[in-house]
Amino acid sequence: MVTALVGQMASQGLVPPDPDKIESYGHLIIQALVALVTIWATVRKALQRPEAVVKLPAEGVVAVAEAAAAGETGAPLAGRASNGND
């Protein structure tokens, strides 16, 4: 009886698996890897330190805005290099 039981287990264990089972196990492994990487990236992002915010005084913001507006209207800028075609 034990020999028959061992023979039955050995014969079922040595049969090659079904291709559909291999494919479904492959999908499960890929889904598990994607889930692990997603969880790892989420935890890593949550534990990051926030970036330092540089606060500018209001005068600096106005001066930068004025300089940008002057550059857009085509006003000559100090120190602008000339290529000889002006």
N, C-alpha and C. Protein backbone atom coordinates (compact mmCIF):
# COMPACT_ATOMS: atom_id res chain seq x y z
N MET A 1 0.83 -1.20 0.00
CA MET A 1 0.00 0.00 0.00
C MET A 1 0.88 1.27 0.00
N VAL A 2 1.93 1.31 0.82
CA VAL A 2 2.83 2.46 0.87
C VAL A 2 3.55 2.60 -0.46
N THR A 3 3.93 1.48 -1.05
CA THR A 3 4.61 1.52 -2.33
C THR A 3 3.70 2.10 -3.41
N ALA A 4 2.45 1.75 -3.40
CA ALA A 4 1.50 2.29 -4.38
C ALA A 4 1.31 3.79 -4.18
N LEU A 5 1.24 4.20 -2.90
CA LEU A 5 1.07 5.63 -2.61
C LEU A 5 2.29 6.43 -3.06
N VAL A 6 3.48 5.91 -2.77
CA VAL A 6 4.71 6.60 -3.18
C VAL A 6 4.82 6.61 -4.70
N GLY A 7 4.45 5.52 -5.34
CA GLY A 7 4.48 5.46 -6.80
C GLY A 7 3.51 6.43 -7.43
N GLN A 8 2.34 6.57 -6.83
CA GLN A 8 1.35 7.53 -7.34
C GLN A 8 1.85 8.97 -7.20
N MET A 9 2.44 9.30 -6.06
CA MET A 9 2.96 10.65 -5.84
C MET A 9 4.13 10.94 -6.78
N ALA A 10 4.99 9.97 -7.00
CA ALA A 10 6.16 10.17 -7.87
C ALA A 10 5.72 10.34 -9.31
N SER A 11 4.73 9.56 -9.74
CA SER A 11 4.31 9.67 -11.14
C SER A 11 3.61 11.00 -11.40
N GLN A 12 2.84 11.51 -10.44
CA GLN A 12 2.18 12.81 -10.62
C GLN A 12 3.18 13.95 -10.51
N GLY A 13 4.21 13.78 -9.69
CA GLY A 13 5.22 14.82 -9.54
C GLY A 13 6.14 14.94 -10.72
N LEU A 14 6.30 13.86 -11.49
CA LEU A 14 7.23 13.86 -12.62
C LEU A 14 6.56 14.22 -13.94
N VAL A 15 5.26 14.41 -13.93
CA VAL A 15 4.54 14.79 -15.15
C VAL A 15 4.79 16.26 -15.41
N PRO A 16 5.14 16.64 -16.64
CA PRO A 16 5.37 18.06 -16.92
C PRO A 16 4.09 18.87 -16.69
N PRO A 17 4.23 20.08 -16.19
CA PRO A 17 3.05 20.89 -15.91
C PRO A 17 2.36 21.35 -17.20
N ASP A 18 1.12 21.67 -17.04
CA ASP A 18 0.29 22.14 -18.15
C ASP A 18 0.76 23.54 -18.58
N PRO A 19 0.87 23.84 -19.87
CA PRO A 19 1.30 25.18 -20.31
C PRO A 19 0.39 26.30 -19.80
N ASP A 20 -0.90 26.01 -19.64
CA ASP A 20 -1.79 27.04 -19.10
C ASP A 20 -1.45 27.37 -17.65
N LYS A 21 -1.07 26.36 -16.88
CA LYS A 21 -0.68 26.59 -15.49
C LYS A 21 0.62 27.39 -15.44
N ILE A 22 1.55 27.08 -16.33
CA ILE A 22 2.82 27.83 -16.38
C ILE A 22 2.54 29.30 -16.68
N GLU A 23 1.65 29.55 -17.65
CA GLU A 23 1.32 30.93 -18.01
C GLU A 23 0.65 31.66 -16.86
N SER A 24 -0.29 31.00 -16.19
CA SER A 24 -0.99 31.66 -15.09
C SER A 24 -0.03 31.93 -13.92
N TYR A 25 0.88 31.00 -13.63
CA TYR A 25 1.88 31.25 -12.58
C TYR A 25 2.81 32.39 -12.98
N GLY A 26 3.16 32.46 -14.25
CA GLY A 26 3.99 33.57 -14.72
C GLY A 26 3.31 34.91 -14.54
N HIS A 27 2.01 34.97 -14.86
CA HIS A 27 1.26 36.21 -14.66
C HIS A 27 1.20 36.57 -13.18
N LEU A 28 1.00 35.59 -12.31
CA LEU A 28 0.95 35.85 -10.88
C LEU A 28 2.28 36.38 -10.36
N ILE A 29 3.37 35.80 -10.84
CA ILE A 29 4.70 36.26 -10.41
C ILE A 29 4.94 37.69 -10.87
N ILE A 30 4.59 38.01 -12.11
CA ILE A 30 4.77 39.37 -12.62
C ILE A 30 3.91 40.36 -11.85
N GLN A 31 2.67 40.01 -11.56
CA GLN A 31 1.80 40.90 -10.78
C GLN A 31 2.34 41.12 -9.38
N ALA A 32 2.88 40.07 -8.77
CA ALA A 32 3.46 40.22 -7.44
C ALA A 32 4.67 41.14 -7.47
N LEU A 33 5.52 41.00 -8.49
CA LEU A 33 6.69 41.88 -8.61
C LEU A 33 6.28 43.33 -8.82
N VAL A 34 5.28 43.56 -9.67
CA VAL A 34 4.80 44.92 -9.91
C VAL A 34 4.23 45.52 -8.62
N ALA A 35 3.49 44.71 -7.87
CA ALA A 35 2.93 45.19 -6.61
C ALA A 35 4.02 45.55 -5.62
N LEU A 36 5.06 44.72 -5.51
CA LEU A 36 6.16 45.01 -4.60
C LEU A 36 6.89 46.28 -4.98
N VAL A 37 7.17 46.45 -6.27
CA VAL A 37 7.88 47.66 -6.72
C VAL A 37 7.02 48.90 -6.48
N THR A 38 5.72 48.79 -6.72
CA THR A 38 4.82 49.93 -6.51
C THR A 38 4.77 50.32 -5.03
N ILE A 39 4.65 49.32 -4.17
CA ILE A 39 4.62 49.60 -2.73
C ILE A 39 5.94 50.20 -2.28
N TRP A 40 7.06 49.64 -2.78
CA TRP A 40 8.37 50.17 -2.40
C TRP A 40 8.54 51.63 -2.84
N ALA A 41 8.12 51.94 -4.06
CA ALA A 41 8.25 53.31 -4.56
C ALA A 41 7.35 54.27 -3.78
N THR A 42 6.16 53.81 -3.41
CA THR A 42 5.25 54.67 -2.64
C THR A 42 5.81 54.96 -1.26
N VAL A 43 6.32 53.94 -0.59
CA VAL A 43 6.89 54.15 0.74
C VAL A 43 8.12 55.03 0.65
N ARG A 44 8.95 54.81 -0.36
CA ARG A 44 10.16 55.61 -0.53
C ARG A 44 9.81 57.09 -0.76
N LYS A 45 8.79 57.33 -1.58
CA LYS A 45 8.36 58.70 -1.85
C LYS A 45 7.79 59.34 -0.60
N ALA A 46 7.05 58.57 0.20
CA ALA A 46 6.44 59.11 1.41
C ALA A 46 7.50 59.46 2.45
N LEU A 47 8.62 58.76 2.45
CA LEU A 47 9.66 59.01 3.45
C LEU A 47 10.68 60.06 3.02
N GLN A 48 10.55 60.59 1.82
CA GLN A 48 11.49 61.61 1.35
C GLN A 48 11.28 62.90 2.14
N ARG A 49 12.36 63.61 2.33
CA ARG A 49 12.27 64.91 2.97
C ARG A 49 11.73 65.92 1.97
N PRO A 50 10.90 66.84 2.42
CA PRO A 50 10.39 67.86 1.49
C PRO A 50 11.53 68.77 1.03
N GLU A 51 11.41 69.25 -0.18
CA GLU A 51 12.44 70.13 -0.71
C GLU A 51 12.40 71.47 0.00
N ALA A 52 13.56 72.08 0.13
CA ALA A 52 13.64 73.39 0.77
C ALA A 52 13.03 74.43 -0.16
N VAL A 53 12.18 75.28 0.39
CA VAL A 53 11.54 76.33 -0.39
C VAL A 53 12.30 77.62 -0.15
N VAL A 54 12.75 78.22 -1.23
CA VAL A 54 13.48 79.48 -1.12
C VAL A 54 12.47 80.61 -1.27
N LYS A 55 12.38 81.43 -0.24
CA LYS A 55 11.42 82.54 -0.27
C LYS A 55 12.16 83.81 -0.70
N LEU A 56 11.64 84.47 -1.73
CA LEU A 56 12.21 85.71 -2.22
C LEU A 56 11.41 86.88 -1.67
N PRO A 57 12.08 87.98 -1.41
CA PRO A 57 11.31 89.15 -1.01
C PRO A 57 10.49 89.66 -2.19
N ALA A 58 9.43 90.38 -1.90
CA ALA A 58 8.52 90.85 -2.94
C ALA A 58 9.23 91.77 -3.93
N GLU A 59 10.22 92.54 -3.48
CA GLU A 59 10.94 93.44 -4.39
C GLU A 59 11.69 92.64 -5.46
N GLY A 60 12.24 91.53 -5.10
CA GLY A 60 12.97 90.71 -6.05
C GLY A 60 12.05 90.11 -7.10
N VAL A 61 10.86 89.73 -6.71
CA VAL A 61 9.90 89.17 -7.66
C VAL A 61 9.46 90.22 -8.66
N VAL A 62 9.22 91.44 -8.19
CA VAL A 62 8.80 92.52 -9.08
C VAL A 62 9.92 92.87 -10.05
N ALA A 63 11.17 92.90 -9.58
CA ALA A 63 12.29 93.24 -10.44
C ALA A 63 12.47 92.17 -11.52
N VAL A 64 12.32 90.92 -11.16
CA VAL A 64 12.46 89.84 -12.14
C VAL A 64 11.33 89.92 -13.16
N ALA A 65 10.11 90.21 -12.72
CA ALA A 65 8.99 90.32 -13.64
C ALA A 65 9.18 91.49 -14.60
N GLU A 66 9.68 92.62 -14.11
CA GLU A 66 9.93 93.77 -14.98
C GLU A 66 11.01 93.46 -16.00
N ALA A 67 12.06 92.79 -15.59
CA ALA A 67 13.13 92.44 -16.51
C ALA A 67 12.63 91.48 -17.58
N ALA A 68 11.79 90.55 -17.19
CA ALA A 68 11.24 89.61 -18.17
C ALA A 68 10.32 90.33 -19.15
N ALA A 69 9.52 91.28 -18.67
CA ALA A 69 8.63 92.03 -19.55
C ALA A 69 9.44 92.90 -20.51
N ALA A 70 10.53 93.48 -20.04
CA ALA A 70 11.36 94.31 -20.92
C ALA A 70 12.02 93.44 -22.00
N GLY A 71 12.39 92.25 -21.66
CA GLY A 71 13.01 91.35 -22.63
C GLY A 71 12.02 90.88 -23.69
N GLU A 72 10.75 90.74 -23.34
CA GLU A 72 9.74 90.29 -24.29
C GLU A 72 9.35 91.37 -25.29
N THR A 73 9.40 92.64 -24.88
CA THR A 73 8.97 93.71 -25.77
C THR A 73 10.05 94.10 -26.77
N GLY A 74 11.23 93.54 -26.63
CA GLY A 74 12.30 93.85 -27.57
C GLY A 74 13.14 95.03 -27.15
N ALA A 75 12.98 95.51 -25.93
CA ALA A 75 13.79 96.62 -25.44
C ALA A 75 15.24 96.16 -25.34
N PRO A 76 16.19 97.03 -25.66
CA PRO A 76 17.59 96.63 -25.60
C PRO A 76 17.99 96.33 -24.16
N LEU A 77 18.70 95.26 -23.99
CA LEU A 77 19.19 94.89 -22.67
C LEU A 77 20.64 95.28 -22.54
N ALA A 78 21.01 95.70 -21.35
CA ALA A 78 22.40 96.10 -21.10
C ALA A 78 23.29 94.88 -21.22
N GLY A 79 24.41 95.02 -21.87
CA GLY A 79 25.37 93.95 -21.98
C GLY A 79 24.99 92.89 -23.03
N ARG A 80 24.07 93.23 -23.91
CA ARG A 80 23.66 92.28 -24.93
C ARG A 80 24.74 92.23 -26.02
N ALA A 81 25.12 91.03 -26.37
CA ALA A 81 26.17 90.88 -27.38
C ALA A 81 25.60 91.17 -28.76
N SER A 82 26.37 91.84 -29.55
CA SER A 82 25.94 92.16 -30.91
C SER A 82 26.68 91.26 -31.89
N ASN A 83 25.98 90.79 -32.89
CA ASN A 83 26.61 89.95 -33.88
C ASN A 83 26.99 90.74 -35.14
N GLY A 84 26.81 92.07 -35.11
CA GLY A 84 27.18 92.90 -36.24
C GLY A 84 26.06 93.10 -37.25
N ASN A 85 24.93 92.46 -37.08
CA ASN A 85 23.82 92.61 -38.01
C ASN A 85 22.77 93.58 -37.51
N ASP A 86 23.00 94.24 -36.36
CA ASP A 86 22.00 95.17 -35.82
C ASP A 86 21.90 96.43 -36.63
